[in-house]
Protein backbone atom coordinates (compact mmCIF):
# COMPACT_ATOMS: atom_id res chain seq x y z
CA MET A 1 93.56 78.58 57.24
CA THR A 2 94.65 76.61 53.89
CA ASP A 3 98.01 76.22 52.45
CA HIS A 4 96.74 78.43 49.71
CA ASP A 5 95.42 81.01 51.66
CA LEU A 6 98.90 81.00 53.72
CA GLU A 7 100.93 81.33 50.73
CA ARG A 8 98.55 84.23 49.15
CA GLU A 9 98.72 86.46 52.40
CA LEU A 10 102.95 85.72 52.32
CA ARG A 11 102.92 87.18 48.74
CA ASP A 12 100.76 90.15 49.92
CA HIS A 13 102.39 90.82 53.08
CA TYR A 14 106.20 90.84 51.40
CA SER A 15 105.12 92.68 48.37
CA SER A 16 104.22 95.70 50.21
CA LEU A 17 106.92 96.11 52.77
CA ASP A 18 109.47 99.08 52.06
CA ALA A 19 112.19 98.10 50.26
CA GLY A 20 114.90 100.84 51.82
CA PRO A 21 118.27 99.75 53.01
CA ALA A 22 117.22 97.54 55.92
CA GLY A 23 114.15 96.21 53.80
CA ARG A 24 116.27 94.73 50.56
CA ALA A 25 116.18 91.39 51.91
CA THR A 26 112.29 91.53 52.52
CA SER A 27 112.12 93.05 49.09
CA ARG A 28 114.02 89.78 47.91
CA VAL A 29 111.92 87.56 49.41
CA ALA A 30 108.68 89.37 47.99
CA THR A 31 109.98 89.11 44.84
CA ALA A 32 110.72 85.24 45.00
CA LEU A 33 107.10 84.85 46.39
CA THR A 34 105.85 86.36 43.38
CA GLY A 35 108.01 84.88 40.83
CA ALA A 36 107.09 81.29 42.43
CA PRO A 37 104.46 79.38 40.96
CA THR A 38 101.36 79.13 43.22
CA ARG A 39 100.93 75.26 43.90
CA ARG A 40 99.28 72.73 46.73
CA TRP A 41 101.87 70.48 48.22
CA SER A 42 100.46 66.90 48.45
CA PRO A 43 101.47 64.30 51.13
CA ALA A 44 103.07 62.48 48.30
CA ARG A 45 105.18 65.01 47.24
CA LEU A 46 106.17 66.04 50.10
CA ALA A 47 106.84 62.31 51.29
CA GLY A 48 109.19 61.96 48.09
CA ALA A 49 111.12 64.85 48.97
CA GLY A 50 111.80 63.28 52.61
CA TRP A 51 109.56 65.49 54.31
CA ILE A 52 106.99 64.96 57.00
CA ARG A 53 103.46 66.68 56.32
CA THR A 54 101.83 67.82 59.29
CA THR A 55 99.69 71.26 59.05
CA GLY A 56 99.87 74.47 56.89
CA ALA A 57 102.00 75.55 60.43
CA VAL A 58 104.70 73.90 58.41
CA ALA A 59 104.97 76.43 55.53
CA ALA A 60 105.17 79.13 58.12
CA ILE A 61 108.04 77.82 59.94
CA ALA A 62 109.86 77.15 56.51
CA ALA A 63 108.78 80.84 56.04
CA ALA A 64 110.25 82.23 58.89
CA ALA A 65 113.37 80.09 58.71
CA VAL A 66 113.65 81.75 55.10
CA LEU A 67 113.82 85.28 56.66
CA ALA A 68 115.98 84.25 59.18
CA VAL A 69 118.60 83.50 57.09
CA VAL A 70 118.06 86.43 54.76
CA LEU A 71 117.33 89.21 57.25
CA VAL A 72 120.01 88.17 60.14
CA PRO A 73 122.61 90.63 59.69
CA VAL A 74 125.86 89.15 58.83
CA TRP A 75 128.41 92.03 60.20
CA SER A 76 128.30 92.99 63.84
CA HIS A 77 130.93 95.60 63.99
CA ASN A 78 131.96 94.52 67.01
CA ARG A 79 135.73 93.58 67.58
CA GLY A 80 135.08 90.52 69.54
CA PRO A 81 133.50 87.27 67.82
CA ALA A 82 129.81 87.26 67.43
CA ALA A 83 127.77 85.30 70.32
CA ASN A 84 125.75 82.61 69.01
CA SER A 85 126.47 83.67 65.45
CA THR A 86 124.07 81.58 62.73
CA GLY A 87 126.88 81.61 59.98
CA ALA A 88 124.63 82.51 57.14
CA THR A 89 126.24 81.83 53.76
CA PRO A 90 125.35 82.12 50.18
CA MET A 91 124.63 79.04 48.57
CA ALA A 92 127.52 76.46 47.85
CA THR A 93 128.95 76.95 44.67
CA PRO A 94 131.28 73.60 44.08
CA SER A 95 131.43 74.20 40.55
CA TYR A 96 133.09 77.77 40.71
CA ASN A 97 135.78 78.42 38.16
CA LEU A 98 138.45 81.08 39.47
CA ALA A 99 138.40 82.25 35.98
CA VAL A 100 134.85 83.85 36.17
CA GLY A 101 134.55 87.28 37.66
CA ASN A 102 138.21 88.47 37.18
CA ALA A 103 138.69 86.49 40.13
CA ARG A 104 142.36 86.30 40.50
CA VAL A 105 143.46 89.00 43.66
CA LYS A 106 146.14 90.76 44.00
CA LEU A 107 145.47 92.61 47.18
CA ALA A 108 142.31 92.58 49.21
CA GLY A 109 141.34 94.32 52.58
CA ILE A 110 138.29 94.44 55.33
CA THR A 111 137.70 98.23 56.54
CA LYS A 112 137.06 98.58 60.13
CA GLN A 113 133.43 98.98 59.08
CA GLY A 114 133.73 95.46 57.86
CA LEU A 115 133.64 96.19 54.16
CA VAL A 116 135.51 93.63 52.06
CA TRP A 117 137.26 94.99 49.17
CA ALA A 118 139.59 93.08 46.61
CA GLN A 119 141.88 94.42 43.53
CA LEU A 120 140.63 92.85 40.45
CA ALA A 121 142.09 93.40 37.06
CA THR A 122 139.05 95.64 35.77
CA ALA A 123 137.92 97.22 39.14
CA ILE A 124 137.90 97.16 42.73
CA ALA A 125 135.35 94.78 43.71
CA ILE A 126 133.47 95.86 46.91
CA SER A 127 131.01 94.43 49.47
CA THR A 128 129.15 95.54 52.29
CA ASP A 129 127.54 92.31 53.35
CA HIS A 130 130.60 90.09 53.01
CA GLY A 131 130.41 88.56 49.72
CA HIS A 132 126.80 87.85 49.00
CA ALA A 133 126.53 90.95 46.92
CA TRP A 134 129.67 92.90 44.90
CA SER A 135 129.86 96.01 43.28
CA ASP A 136 132.82 98.07 41.48
CA ILE A 137 134.75 100.92 42.00
CA PRO A 138 136.27 101.30 38.40
CA TRP A 139 139.66 102.08 37.85
CA PRO A 140 140.98 105.43 36.88
CA LYS A 141 141.42 105.67 33.37
CA ASP A 142 145.26 106.60 33.30
CA THR A 143 146.02 103.32 35.67
CA LEU A 144 144.15 100.95 32.87
CA ASN A 145 147.01 99.41 31.85
CA ALA A 146 150.08 99.79 34.60
CA PRO A 147 151.06 96.55 34.86
CA ASP A 148 151.08 97.15 39.28
CA ARG A 149 148.89 99.08 41.57
CA SER A 150 148.71 99.78 44.73
CA VAL A 151 145.50 100.10 46.31
CA GLU A 152 143.86 101.20 49.70
CA VAL A 153 139.93 101.35 50.16
CA ILE A 154 138.58 102.62 53.41
CA ASP A 155 134.92 102.74 52.90
CA SER A 156 132.44 102.36 50.02
CA ASP A 157 133.22 106.11 48.55
CA HIS A 158 136.79 106.76 49.41
CA ALA A 159 139.85 104.85 47.85
CA TRP A 160 143.32 105.46 46.51
CA VAL A 161 145.21 104.40 43.82
CA LEU A 162 148.98 104.63 43.52
CA ARG A 163 150.24 104.40 40.00
CA GLU A 164 153.99 103.17 40.17
CA SER A 165 155.78 105.13 37.13
CA PRO A 166 159.48 105.60 37.11
CA ALA A 167 158.98 109.07 35.66
CA ASP A 168 155.82 109.99 37.11
CA PRO A 169 154.33 108.52 40.01
CA GLN A 170 151.11 109.47 40.91
CA VAL A 171 148.09 108.93 43.73
CA PHE A 172 144.62 108.90 42.36
CA ARG A 173 141.60 109.62 45.05
CA THR A 174 138.11 109.05 44.73
CA SER A 175 135.49 110.22 47.01
CA ASP A 176 132.28 109.02 45.31
CA GLY A 177 133.16 105.61 44.92
CA GLY A 178 134.67 105.90 41.58
CA ALA A 179 132.30 107.71 39.82
CA SER A 180 135.50 110.48 39.31
CA TRP A 181 138.93 110.37 40.15
CA LEU A 182 141.26 113.10 40.79
CA SER A 183 145.15 112.66 40.52
CA ALA A 184 148.04 113.94 42.51
CA ASP A 185 152.04 113.74 41.56
CA LEU A 186 154.35 112.38 44.00
CA PRO A 187 157.66 114.46 44.63
CA VAL A 188 159.74 111.67 43.45
CA SER A 189 161.22 110.31 40.35
CA TYR A 190 163.13 107.21 39.50
CA ASN A 191 165.54 106.05 37.14
CA PRO A 192 163.80 103.78 34.65
CA ALA A 193 167.23 101.63 34.29
CA THR A 194 166.90 100.81 38.06
CA GLY A 195 163.76 99.20 37.17
CA VAL A 196 159.96 99.96 37.78
CA PRO A 197 159.02 100.88 41.81
CA ILE A 198 156.73 99.33 43.69
CA GLY A 199 154.91 101.07 46.56
CA ARG A 200 152.36 100.53 49.34
CA LEU A 201 149.51 102.60 50.84
CA SER A 202 148.66 103.35 54.26
CA PHE A 203 145.63 105.45 55.25
CA ILE A 204 144.44 106.21 58.79
CA ASP A 205 141.10 107.81 57.73
CA ALA A 206 139.80 109.65 54.94
CA SER A 207 142.53 112.82 55.49
CA VAL A 208 145.66 111.32 56.33
CA GLY A 209 147.77 108.52 54.65
CA PHE A 210 151.01 107.20 53.86
CA ALA A 211 152.65 106.34 50.57
CA LEU A 212 155.76 104.23 50.47
CA ILE A 213 157.57 103.88 46.85
CA GLY A 214 160.78 102.75 45.87
CA THR A 215 162.86 100.11 43.49
CA ASN A 216 165.22 97.38 44.50
CA ALA A 217 168.33 99.92 44.19
CA GLU A 218 167.28 102.93 46.20
CA ALA A 219 165.86 102.84 49.50
CA ASP A 220 162.07 103.43 49.89
CA THR A 221 160.60 107.15 49.93
CA ILE A 222 158.18 107.85 52.51
CA LEU A 223 155.41 110.64 51.34
CA ARG A 224 152.40 111.58 53.77
CA THR A 225 149.20 113.39 52.84
CA GLN A 226 146.70 115.24 55.25
CA ASP A 227 144.03 116.38 52.68
CA GLY A 228 143.09 113.07 51.65
CA GLY A 229 145.83 112.73 48.58
CA ALA A 230 145.58 116.34 47.02
CA THR A 231 148.88 116.97 48.12
CA TRP A 232 152.08 115.02 49.38
CA ALA A 233 155.25 115.84 51.16
CA VAL A 234 158.56 113.34 51.61
CA THR A 235 158.87 112.68 55.35
CA GLY A 236 161.55 110.51 55.54
CA ARG A 237 162.71 106.75 54.04
CA SER A 238 162.34 102.88 54.77
CA ALA A 239 164.27 100.01 54.36
CA THR A 240 161.32 98.09 53.83
CA LEU A 241 157.55 98.34 52.02
CA GLU A 242 156.58 96.30 54.85
CA SER A 243 155.16 99.30 56.94
CA VAL A 244 151.99 100.22 58.86
CA ALA A 245 150.99 103.48 60.19
CA SER A 246 149.25 103.64 63.57
CA ASP A 247 148.48 107.19 63.60
CA ALA A 248 149.05 110.37 61.75
CA ASN A 249 152.36 110.13 62.69
CA THR A 250 153.32 106.68 63.55
CA LEU A 251 154.94 104.32 61.46
CA TRP A 252 156.43 100.60 62.18
CA THR A 253 158.49 98.74 59.64
CA ALA A 254 159.07 94.82 60.46
CA LYS A 255 161.17 92.22 58.54
CA THR A 256 159.35 89.44 57.35
CA SER A 257 161.86 87.46 55.87
CA ALA A 258 165.06 85.72 57.76
CA GLY A 259 167.21 88.85 58.79
CA SER A 260 170.28 89.44 60.75
CA GLY A 261 169.15 88.69 64.30
CA ALA A 262 167.32 91.01 66.74
CA ASN A 263 168.71 94.28 65.14
CA GLN A 264 166.25 96.28 63.36
CA LEU A 265 163.62 93.34 63.30
CA LEU A 266 161.17 95.82 64.39
CA ARG A 267 161.50 99.38 64.16
CA VAL A 268 159.00 102.52 64.76
CA SER A 269 159.15 106.10 63.58
CA ARG A 270 157.27 108.73 65.83
CA ASP A 271 157.84 111.66 63.08
CA SER A 272 156.18 110.03 59.72
CA GLY A 273 159.47 108.52 58.63
CA ALA A 274 162.57 111.09 59.23
CA THR A 275 163.81 109.10 62.31
CA TRP A 276 163.69 105.10 63.18
CA SER A 277 164.45 103.29 66.50
CA ASP A 278 164.65 99.87 67.43
CA VAL A 279 161.70 97.94 69.28
CA GLN A 280 162.87 96.12 72.24
CA LEU A 281 160.85 93.29 72.23
CA PRO A 282 162.24 90.68 75.35
CA GLY A 283 163.47 87.78 75.18
CA LEU A 284 165.19 88.14 71.33
CA ASP A 285 168.77 88.36 72.24
CA VAL A 286 169.41 85.32 69.94
CA GLN A 287 172.88 86.30 68.89
CA ALA A 288 174.30 84.06 71.73
CA ALA A 289 171.41 81.72 72.12
CA TYR A 290 171.29 80.84 68.56
CA VAL A 291 174.12 79.66 65.99
CA GLN A 292 172.21 80.84 62.93
CA PRO A 293 170.24 84.11 64.10
CA GLY A 294 169.64 85.08 60.93
CA GLU A 295 166.32 82.87 61.01
CA LEU A 296 164.69 85.44 62.33
CA TRP A 297 161.67 87.45 61.19
CA VAL A 298 158.06 88.80 61.94
CA PRO A 299 155.62 87.03 59.76
CA GLY A 300 153.92 89.32 57.52
CA PRO A 301 152.30 91.11 55.45
CA GLY A 302 152.37 94.04 57.67
CA GLY A 303 153.80 92.28 60.56
CA VAL A 304 152.46 95.21 63.14
CA THR A 305 148.32 95.24 64.27
CA PHE A 306 146.75 97.93 66.26
CA LEU A 307 143.30 97.15 67.76
CA SER A 308 143.55 100.62 69.02
CA ALA A 309 145.33 103.91 69.69
CA THR A 310 147.45 102.10 72.65
CA GLU A 311 146.87 98.32 72.02
CA GLY A 312 148.80 96.62 69.71
CA TYR A 313 149.97 93.18 69.19
CA THR A 314 152.97 91.69 66.92
CA ALA A 315 154.66 87.82 66.57
CA VAL A 316 158.67 86.64 66.27
CA SER A 317 158.97 83.34 64.27
CA CYS A 318 162.67 81.57 64.24
CA THR A 319 163.81 78.23 63.12
CA GLU A 320 166.42 77.95 65.35
CA GLY A 321 166.15 75.55 68.54
CA ASN A 322 162.79 75.74 70.31
CA PHE A 323 162.28 79.38 69.24
CA GLY A 324 158.85 78.85 67.17
CA THR A 325 156.73 81.72 67.09
CA ARG A 326 156.48 84.34 70.10
CA TYR A 327 153.48 86.73 70.46
CA TYR A 328 153.60 90.16 72.11
CA ARG A 329 151.02 92.58 72.98
CA THR A 330 151.72 96.65 73.85
CA THR A 331 148.95 98.74 75.86
CA ASP A 332 150.80 102.04 75.74
CA ALA A 333 151.05 102.80 72.14
CA GLY A 334 154.56 100.68 71.90
CA LEU A 335 156.60 102.21 74.40
CA SER A 336 156.55 99.00 75.82
CA TRP A 337 156.04 95.41 74.59
CA SER A 338 155.70 92.02 76.75
CA GLN A 339 155.62 88.28 75.37
CA VAL A 340 151.93 87.04 76.15
CA ALA A 341 152.14 83.37 74.34
CA ALA A 342 153.89 81.18 72.47
CA ILE A 343 154.03 78.06 69.99
CA THR A 344 156.50 75.87 69.33
CA ARG A 345 156.54 76.16 65.35
CA PRO A 346 157.74 79.25 63.01
CA VAL A 347 155.09 80.26 60.92
CA GLY A 348 155.32 82.56 57.65
CA ALA A 349 152.01 84.41 57.62
CA ALA A 350 151.02 87.01 59.87
CA PRO A 351 148.55 86.15 62.75
CA VAL A 352 145.27 87.99 63.08
CA PHE A 353 144.39 89.35 66.59
CA VAL A 354 140.51 90.12 66.90
CA ASP A 355 140.68 90.97 70.63
CA ALA A 356 143.37 90.11 73.58
CA LYS A 357 141.97 86.80 73.50
CA HIS A 358 140.80 85.69 69.87
CA TRP A 359 143.40 85.22 67.74
CA PHE A 360 143.83 83.27 64.26
CA GLN A 361 147.26 81.87 62.97
CA PRO A 362 147.76 80.75 59.41
CA ASP A 363 150.91 78.71 58.61
CA VAL A 364 151.65 78.77 55.07
CA ALA A 365 154.29 75.82 55.25
CA GLU A 366 151.72 73.55 57.04
CA ALA A 367 148.93 74.94 54.96
CA ASP A 368 146.71 75.14 57.99
CA LEU A 369 144.64 77.59 60.14
CA GLN A 370 144.94 77.37 63.75
CA ALA A 371 142.42 79.57 66.38
CA THR A 372 142.97 80.17 69.69
CA ALA A 373 139.94 81.52 72.37
CA ASP A 374 142.16 82.24 75.44
CA GLY A 375 145.08 84.49 74.47
CA GLY A 376 147.41 81.48 72.94
CA LYS A 377 147.41 79.50 76.01
CA THR A 378 145.17 76.89 73.83
CA TRP A 379 144.90 76.59 70.00
CA THR A 380 142.58 74.52 67.56
CA THR A 381 143.10 73.27 64.14
CA LEU A 382 140.47 74.36 61.98
CA ALA A 383 139.07 71.92 59.68
CA GLN A 384 138.88 74.73 56.88
CA ASN A 385 136.44 72.59 54.77
CA GLY A 386 136.43 74.43 51.11
CA LEU A 387 140.16 75.45 51.62
CA ALA A 388 142.16 72.48 53.12
CA GLY A 389 145.39 72.09 51.42
CA SER A 390 145.96 75.58 50.06
CA PRO A 391 148.26 77.53 51.95
CA ILE A 392 147.09 81.29 53.42
CA TYR A 393 149.24 84.26 52.26
CA TRP A 394 146.73 86.79 53.99
CA LEU A 395 143.90 86.39 56.39
CA ASP A 396 141.51 88.92 57.87
CA THR A 397 138.76 89.44 60.37
CA ARG A 398 137.24 92.10 62.21
CA ASP A 399 134.46 90.14 64.32
CA GLY A 400 136.26 86.53 64.51
CA THR A 401 133.27 85.45 62.61
CA ASN A 402 133.26 86.68 59.14
CA GLY A 403 136.55 86.52 57.64
CA ALA A 404 138.33 86.87 54.13
CA ALA A 405 141.60 85.12 52.95
CA LEU A 406 143.97 85.13 49.88
CA ASP A 407 145.58 81.29 48.82
CA GLY A 408 149.10 80.89 47.62
CA GLY A 409 150.20 84.56 47.55
CA ALA A 410 149.33 87.73 45.48
CA ASN A 411 147.50 87.17 42.18
CA GLY A 412 145.45 84.14 44.15
CA ALA A 413 141.67 83.52 44.76
CA LEU A 414 139.77 84.90 47.54
CA PHE A 415 137.90 83.09 49.73
CA LEU A 416 135.38 83.53 52.06
CA THR A 417 134.03 82.37 55.82
CA TRP A 418 130.98 83.18 57.81
CA ASP A 419 131.44 80.66 60.48
CA GLY A 420 134.93 81.73 61.71
CA GLY A 421 136.99 80.21 59.34
CA ARG A 422 135.73 75.96 59.80
CA THR A 423 133.89 76.58 56.11
CA TRP A 424 135.20 78.85 53.30
CA GLN A 425 134.21 79.60 49.70
CA PRO A 426 135.58 81.37 46.67
CA ALA A 427 134.55 84.79 46.43
CA ASP A 428 132.16 84.98 43.27
CA PHE A 429 132.85 88.29 42.01
CA SER A 430 130.04 87.38 38.71
CA ALA A 431 127.48 88.43 41.49
CA ARG A 432 128.08 92.31 40.59
C-alpha cells in the first residue's frame, strides 16, 4: 500500500465514525485529516525534518500515536493515582497571556467526578476534560456587578452563587448549567456600617448544603438547605468561615492562622452548627511545651478533608521547637484521630490527600510542592516545571495525576497538571 492510499483510507475511515460523546476525539481527527492537504513525503523532506523514512508503516504508527493521545481518557474517577498514566496534555502555550480569557481566578474547585471549575469575572468556567476545553455557566443577572461572590459547583448542571449583600443576601441556584437561575433570600441581614458580609458555600449533594455568612463585627451565621437552595434555615453560628461539611449534619471548623494554642484549633458540630466541641488531636498539649503556643494553626483553606463518610485527614503546623507539621487521620468519622506522619517544617497551605498513601503538600513560604506515596514516610520535591517559584495557595487532585492549583492567592492564575504535579500549564480560558 502506498502512502497516498493509506492517507486516503484514514480520511475515509475517521470521517465515517459516529461523533457521539465518546466519538468527539475521533471527530476531531477526521476534521484534521479532511482539512490537511494531501501530500507525499519525500525522503529529502523527512531527512530535513530529522526523521528516518522507512515504509508507509511509519505513517500508520504516527496516526496510532495521535489517536492514543487524543482518545486515552484523562480522568479515571478513581481515588488512587492512575497506573502508567500517559500524562496527555494540550499543546504547550509558552506565550500565554494571563489577561486572555478573564484568566484571573477568585475560587476554583474539582468535583468528585473530576469536573474542574473556576470563578472568573464574567462566568463560571467548567471543564469536563481537565482543561483541554472549557464552557461557561453564565452568572445570574442580579450578581453581575457584585464586588464579590461565593460559588459552589458539584457538576455541569448544578451550581450556586451567594450574593453577599448587607440588606438582602441571596443564594442563586441553577440545575441546568446556567440556562436559568432561581434566587432564595437568606433569613439574615447586616448593618451596612459594619461592612459588606462575606460568605462561603459548602454542598454535600444537589439537595443538601450550607451557607456561612457574616462580617468582621459579627459571628458567622450558619444556614442549611435541604431542597437544593430553594429554602434556607438558620442552624447555628461559627467563629470562622473555614468550615467544611462532611455530611448533612456535620461541620468542621479550623483555625487556619496562628491561634492561642490547641484550644479550639479544630472543632466539630454534629447538629449543623447549633453546638460545637473541640477535636482532641494527640500531641497538641503545647501550652506547657512551647513558650509561644500561639504559633499553631491548621493549614488552609478548608483544613479538613474527608475521603468517605468515615475516613478523614487534617494537619497541624507550628513554628516553635521542632514541631513542624503533623498529619492526622480518622477512620471513625472523626470520633478519634491518630497521628500518622510528620515533617520538620511548618506549611501555610492545606495538604491534599488522595488516599491513605498518596498526598501532596504545597508550601507557600518555600514556594515548592512535595509528594509522598507511602503515607508521609518519605517525600519527593517535585520540579514543578511551569510553576516553579510561584507559591501555591490552593491545590486539588482527585486521582493523583490530574490536578489544579491557584498561585499567589485569590485572584491569581489557575494552573493545571496532567502528570502528578511535575509539569504545569496555565489554564487557557480562551478555549471556550
